[in-house]
Amino acid sequence: MAQMTNVDRDRVEEVKARLESYWQANIRIIAILLIIWFAVAYVPPLFVNQLNQIVIAGFPLGYYMGSQGSLIVFVVEIFFYAWYMNKLDEDYGLVGIKR
């Protein structure tokens, strides 16, 4: 087994630092998206009486928030996460790496 040189050790530490930075960026965007998900899913029911005072096309706003609004936000989050992670992969040089 070959001995690691100082250059090899430095390279290993550099790769570890980049992977740690990549993982932290991934965790950060997941946390942000989960906070948005929580707010969209659980906050509107707390204000349903106030939201229902606003009527759109004969339906209360609380209905729209529950039946359409939250679903739209969730789908947008999925596409945003996919786009963001592809960009992050490019930024960290992970595009085209076979796992």
Foldseek 3Di string as FASTA:
>chain_A
DDDDDPVNVVVVVVVVVLVVVLVVVLVVLVVVLVVVLCCLPPVLVVVVVVQQVDDDPRGGNSVCSVPPVSVVSVVVSVVVSVVVNVVSCVVSVNPPDDD
